[in-house]
């Protein structure tokens, strides 16, 4: 199979890691009740790990996924982290817990966390027009004055998901409805850089990655990633060159490991008191409060998708750069969560089953219409 790809597919595979579709909403869940199922919080750790180690390779083989890294959080600690398969089907180098993946839109919750720290410090008003923080309006459309950090983080700006080579535009009155937008996060990134007077990756490294011990995470390429990075693969298992972003894209250029991102999940579950870096209880509650209602079971907070089930509320996100796909979710109540990073266009085909194996329950997040299996 030729490794040449169309411009449309190139946009999906680019360093931004953003799914280039202008759409929103959900596939109908076909029911009015909350999803329910048995969580696995009481399953002995040894049995849980054994089941995962036995079944993940089978799921990968059936779905044509070359490499996966998984981390499981229990009681706000990393219970288990492991890699499966290969980083590159040509080289056959194995995936391990230190393998770096392009995390695509798992970038967005990290940006949201970084923005909330500015809110905590009194440097960012969630409901003030972002134009208040810029030297000039981001675009000429006067509706730009309605767009705040809250609207960006809850995907209600009216921006398209991704404008490609065109200047960004506003499709509808900001705040009037949900429409997933990566462009909004780029706007907020520019505001964060102006407030902090630092490049975005530098600010996040100092204020999120370093304090949380996320030593293999960055929005731009690092030379240390050369021996650690996985290659993305198309549906036929053909590897593509490793993308090496030289500029941070807060919507989608994050490079990370499953272990690192699990540390971030734990920070979302564990509020801090008078901590200069980790968020306090009030800020976490604001992030996980529904701002956009999508269905009876699904909504959006600030930076996170939210799902309600009879087993409790979960926050979640997915990532899709075409040749890398990922999924993460967590629960403050049950203190559980997990991270799944894959290096394949087929990656999301196995994520729901892995979540069921590790966390249990039923998760309407997998019905979100933009999740491309």
Foldseek 3Di string as FASTA:
>chain_A
DDPDDDPQLCQLQALLQFNPDFFFFFDDPPDAAFFWWDWCLPPDLVVLVVVCVVCVVVLCVVQVFAKKWKWKWALLHTSDIFMAHALAPVVRHTATQLAKEFQFQVLQLLLLQLVLLCVVVVLFDQQAQLCVQDPHQPDDPPLSRRDGLFLLQQQQQQWGQDDPPDRIDGNDRGPPAHIHHLVSSQSVLVSVCSSVVHASFVSSCVQPCVVLVQPFKTQFADPVNPVRYGFFAESVRHTDDDHGHPHGRSRTNMMGGFVSVSSVLSLLLDADDPDSHGHHPVSSCQQQDFDHDRGSAWGGGRSWIWGQHPVGIKTKDWGGSQRKIWIKMAGNVRRIIMIMITRGNSVVVCVQVSCCSRTNTDDCVVRTPPDDD
